[in-house]
Amino acid sequence: MSKTRKLVLIKAYEAMEIGLQQRIASTPVNQDKQLLHDFTQFYRTKGKLARLKGVSVNG
């Protein structure tokens, strides 16, 4: 993967991470299915971002 493409993907995943954090913070607790979906996406995004940055992740 080219360095430019990698940097663009890192920026995109960082933006997604921030958006998901804000979405989770504003979602009412009684919307458990939405929160579960958002948390799942958030942790998948964090994992992909860590792999792109070359950070070791569990699992």
Protein backbone atom coordinates (compact mmCIF):
# COMPACT_ATOMS: atom_id res chain seq x y z
CA MET A 1 0.00 0.00 0.00
CA SER A 2 1.39 3.41 -0.91
CA LYS A 3 2.30 5.83 1.85
CA THR A 4 -0.20 8.41 0.57
CA ARG A 5 -3.06 5.90 0.55
CA LYS A 6 -2.13 4.76 4.04
CA LEU A 7 -2.15 8.35 5.35
CA VAL A 8 -5.52 9.03 3.74
CA LEU A 9 -6.98 5.87 5.32
CA ILE A 10 -5.58 6.84 8.73
CA LYS A 11 -7.21 10.28 8.49
CA ALA A 12 -10.51 8.72 7.38
CA TYR A 13 -10.53 6.22 10.25
CA GLU A 14 -9.64 8.96 12.74
CA ALA A 15 -12.59 11.02 11.47
CA MET A 16 -14.88 7.99 11.73
CA GLU A 17 -13.66 7.36 15.28
CA ILE A 18 -14.49 10.92 16.34
CA GLY A 19 -17.90 10.76 14.66
CA LEU A 20 -18.75 7.49 16.39
CA GLN A 21 -17.63 8.85 19.77
CA GLN A 22 -19.93 11.85 19.34
CA ARG A 23 -22.79 9.66 18.17
CA ILE A 24 -22.38 7.31 21.16
CA ALA A 25 -22.28 10.27 23.54
CA SER A 26 -25.54 11.68 22.17
CA THR A 27 -27.49 8.39 21.94
CA PRO A 28 -29.99 7.79 24.76
CA VAL A 29 -29.23 4.76 26.93
CA ASN A 30 -32.60 3.19 26.15
CA GLN A 31 -31.56 2.75 22.48
CA ASP A 32 -29.53 -0.34 23.26
CA LYS A 33 -29.45 -1.77 19.72
CA GLN A 34 -28.13 1.48 18.29
CA LEU A 35 -25.51 1.76 21.04
CA LEU A 36 -24.41 -1.85 20.51
CA HIS A 37 -24.03 -1.20 16.79
CA ASP A 38 -22.11 2.04 17.34
CA PHE A 39 -19.79 0.50 19.96
CA THR A 40 -19.10 -2.44 17.66
CA GLN A 41 -18.25 -0.10 14.78
CA PHE A 42 -16.14 2.06 17.11
CA TYR A 43 -13.97 -0.84 18.27
CA ARG A 44 -13.61 -2.25 14.76
CA THR A 45 -12.52 1.18 13.57
CA LYS A 46 -10.02 1.46 16.43
CA GLY A 47 -8.60 -1.95 15.50
CA LYS A 48 -8.25 -1.06 11.82
CA LEU A 49 -6.63 2.24 12.74
CA ALA A 50 -4.18 0.53 15.08
CA ARG A 51 -3.20 -1.97 12.38
CA LEU A 52 -2.66 0.86 9.88
CA LYS A 53 -0.46 2.69 12.36
CA GLY A 54 1.46 -0.51 13.10
CA VAL A 55 0.36 -0.72 16.72
CA SER A 56 -0.04 -4.16 18.29
CA VAL A 57 -3.66 -5.11 19.07
CA ASN A 58 -5.06 -8.05 21.01
CA GLY A 59 -6.94 -10.63 18.99
